Amino acid sequence: MSLVIRLTRTGKRGERKYRIVVKEKRSKRDGGFIDLLGFYEKRVGGEIIKKVDMEKIEHWKKNGAQISPAVEQLL
C-alpha cells in the first residue's frame, strides 16, 4: 500500500477549498481518505487561510507517506 499526502477538493463550485489528507496513491482525488492533516483555502480578496498539523505530517512521513508537489509548495 503506497500512501501519499495530497489535496482533496471540498466546497461549492467556484470556491477553492481543499483538505490536506493522507490517502492511497491509486485512489480518486475526492475519494475517501485515511487521516485529515489540515486545510487550505484561497479567498477572492487574495487572503490565504491554512491550518496544518505538522506533527501528523511528520508521523506519516516516518511511516513512508510521500508528499505531493502541491502540498510541498504549501508547506
C-alpha atoms as a PDB file:
ATOM      1  CA  MET A   1       0.000   0.000   0.000  1.00  0.00           C
ATOM      2  CA  SER A   2       1.554   3.254  -1.188  1.00  0.00           C
ATOM      3  CA  LEU A   3       0.480   6.353   0.761  1.00  0.00           C
ATOM      4  CA  VAL A   4       0.611   9.984  -0.330  1.00  0.00           C
ATOM      5  CA  ILE A   5      -0.119  13.307   1.396  1.00  0.00           C
ATOM      6  CA  ARG A   6      -2.183  15.336  -1.065  1.00  0.00           C
ATOM      7  CA  LEU A   7      -5.031  17.822  -1.521  1.00  0.00           C
ATOM      8  CA  THR A   8      -8.683  16.894  -1.907  1.00  0.00           C
ATOM      9  CA  ARG A   9     -11.232  19.476  -3.016  1.00  0.00           C
ATOM     10  CA  THR A  10     -14.334  20.377  -0.993  1.00  0.00           C
ATOM     11  CA  GLY A  11     -16.940  23.156  -1.001  1.00  0.00           C
ATOM     12  CA  LYS A  12     -19.240  24.610  -3.630  1.00  0.00           C
ATOM     13  CA  ARG A  13     -18.463  25.261  -7.261  1.00  0.00           C
ATOM     14  CA  GLY A  14     -16.329  28.377  -7.650  1.00  0.00           C
ATOM     15  CA  GLU A  15     -14.890  28.219  -4.126  1.00  0.00           C
ATOM     16  CA  ARG A  16     -11.364  26.953  -3.688  1.00  0.00           C
ATOM     17  CA  LYS A  17     -11.308  24.901  -0.502  1.00  0.00           C
ATOM     18  CA  TYR A  18      -9.003  21.958  -0.044  1.00  0.00           C
ATOM     19  CA  ARG A  19      -8.236  19.436   2.679  1.00  0.00           C
ATOM     20  CA  ILE A  20      -4.740  18.092   3.234  1.00  0.00           C
ATOM     21  CA  VAL A  21      -5.169  14.349   3.660  1.00  0.00           C
ATOM     22  CA  VAL A  22      -3.350  11.012   3.673  1.00  0.00           C
ATOM     23  CA  LYS A  23      -4.704   8.512   1.157  1.00  0.00           C
ATOM     24  CA  GLU A  24      -3.671   5.661  -1.084  1.00  0.00           C
ATOM     25  CA  LYS A  25      -1.860   6.758  -4.196  1.00  0.00           C
ATOM     26  CA  ARG A  26      -4.244   4.985  -6.589  1.00  0.00           C
ATOM     27  CA  SER A  27      -7.481   6.391  -5.108  1.00  0.00           C
ATOM     28  CA  LYS A  28      -9.539   9.190  -6.667  1.00  0.00           C
ATOM     29  CA  ARG A  29      -8.870  12.845  -5.889  1.00  0.00           C
ATOM     30  CA  ASP A  30     -12.070  13.331  -3.899  1.00  0.00           C
ATOM     31  CA  GLY A  31     -12.412   9.753  -2.643  1.00  0.00           C
ATOM     32  CA  GLY A  32     -12.093   8.517   0.915  1.00  0.00           C
ATOM     33  CA  PHE A  33      -9.011   9.297   2.968  1.00  0.00           C
ATOM     34  CA  ILE A  34      -7.168   7.755   5.904  1.00  0.00           C
ATOM     35  CA  ASP A  35      -6.332  10.831   8.007  1.00  0.00           C
ATOM     36  CA  LEU A  36      -7.101  14.565   7.853  1.00  0.00           C
ATOM     37  CA  LEU A  37      -3.981  16.718   8.343  1.00  0.00           C
ATOM     38  CA  GLY A  38      -5.287  20.236   7.754  1.00  0.00           C
ATOM     39  CA  PHE A  39      -6.986  22.535   5.261  1.00  0.00           C
ATOM     40  CA  TYR A  40      -6.192  25.274   2.756  1.00  0.00           C
ATOM     41  CA  GLU A  41      -8.473  27.996   1.396  1.00  0.00           C
ATOM     42  CA  LYS A  42      -7.722  30.809  -1.039  1.00  0.00           C
ATOM     43  CA  ARG A  43     -10.300  33.591  -0.932  1.00  0.00           C
ATOM     44  CA  VAL A  44     -11.227  36.111  -3.620  1.00  0.00           C
ATOM     45  CA  GLY A  45      -9.521  39.059  -1.931  1.00  0.00           C
ATOM     46  CA  GLY A  46      -6.173  37.266  -2.055  1.00  0.00           C
ATOM     47  CA  GLU A  47      -6.370  36.119   1.549  1.00  0.00           C
ATOM     48  CA  ILE A  48      -4.999  32.635   2.141  1.00  0.00           C
ATOM     49  CA  ILE A  49      -6.068  30.581   5.125  1.00  0.00           C
ATOM     50  CA  LYS A  50      -4.257  27.387   6.008  1.00  0.00           C
ATOM     51  CA  LYS A  51      -4.084  25.235   9.080  1.00  0.00           C
ATOM     52  CA  VAL A  52      -1.719  22.281   9.104  1.00  0.00           C
ATOM     53  CA  ASP A  53      -0.924  19.758  11.835  1.00  0.00           C
ATOM     54  CA  MET A  54       2.850  19.386  11.353  1.00  0.00           C
ATOM     55  CA  GLU A  55       3.117  16.623  13.982  1.00  0.00           C
ATOM     56  CA  LYS A  56       0.770  14.405  11.984  1.00  0.00           C
ATOM     57  CA  ILE A  57       2.646  15.160   8.758  1.00  0.00           C
ATOM     58  CA  GLU A  58       5.941  14.131  10.352  1.00  0.00           C
ATOM     59  CA  HIS A  59       4.304  10.969  11.709  1.00  0.00           C
ATOM     60  CA  TRP A  60       3.032   9.941   8.262  1.00  0.00           C
ATOM     61  CA  LYS A  61       6.351  10.803   6.583  1.00  0.00           C
ATOM     62  CA  LYS A  62       8.131   8.483   9.037  1.00  0.00           C
ATOM     63  CA  ASN A  63       5.654   5.750   8.126  1.00  0.00           C
ATOM     64  CA  GLY A  64       6.518   6.057   4.433  1.00  0.00           C
ATOM     65  CA  ALA A  65       3.964   8.517   3.026  1.00  0.00           C
ATOM     66  CA  GLN A  66       5.181  10.681   0.146  1.00  0.00           C
ATOM     67  CA  ILE A  67       4.238  14.363  -0.214  1.00  0.00           C
ATOM     68  CA  SER A  68       2.661  15.596  -3.445  1.00  0.00           C
ATOM     69  CA  PRO A  69       4.259  18.631  -5.182  1.00  0.00           C
ATOM     70  CA  ALA A  70       1.218  20.841  -4.429  1.00  0.00           C
ATOM     71  CA  VAL A  71       1.373  20.141  -0.700  1.00  0.00           C
ATOM     72  CA  GLU A  72       5.160  20.580  -0.756  1.00  0.00           C
ATOM     73  CA  GLN A  73       4.659  24.168  -2.002  1.00  0.00           C
ATOM     74  CA  LEU A  74       2.109  24.905   0.727  1.00  0.00           C
ATOM     75  CA  LEU A  75       4.440  23.731   3.476  1.00  0.00           C
END
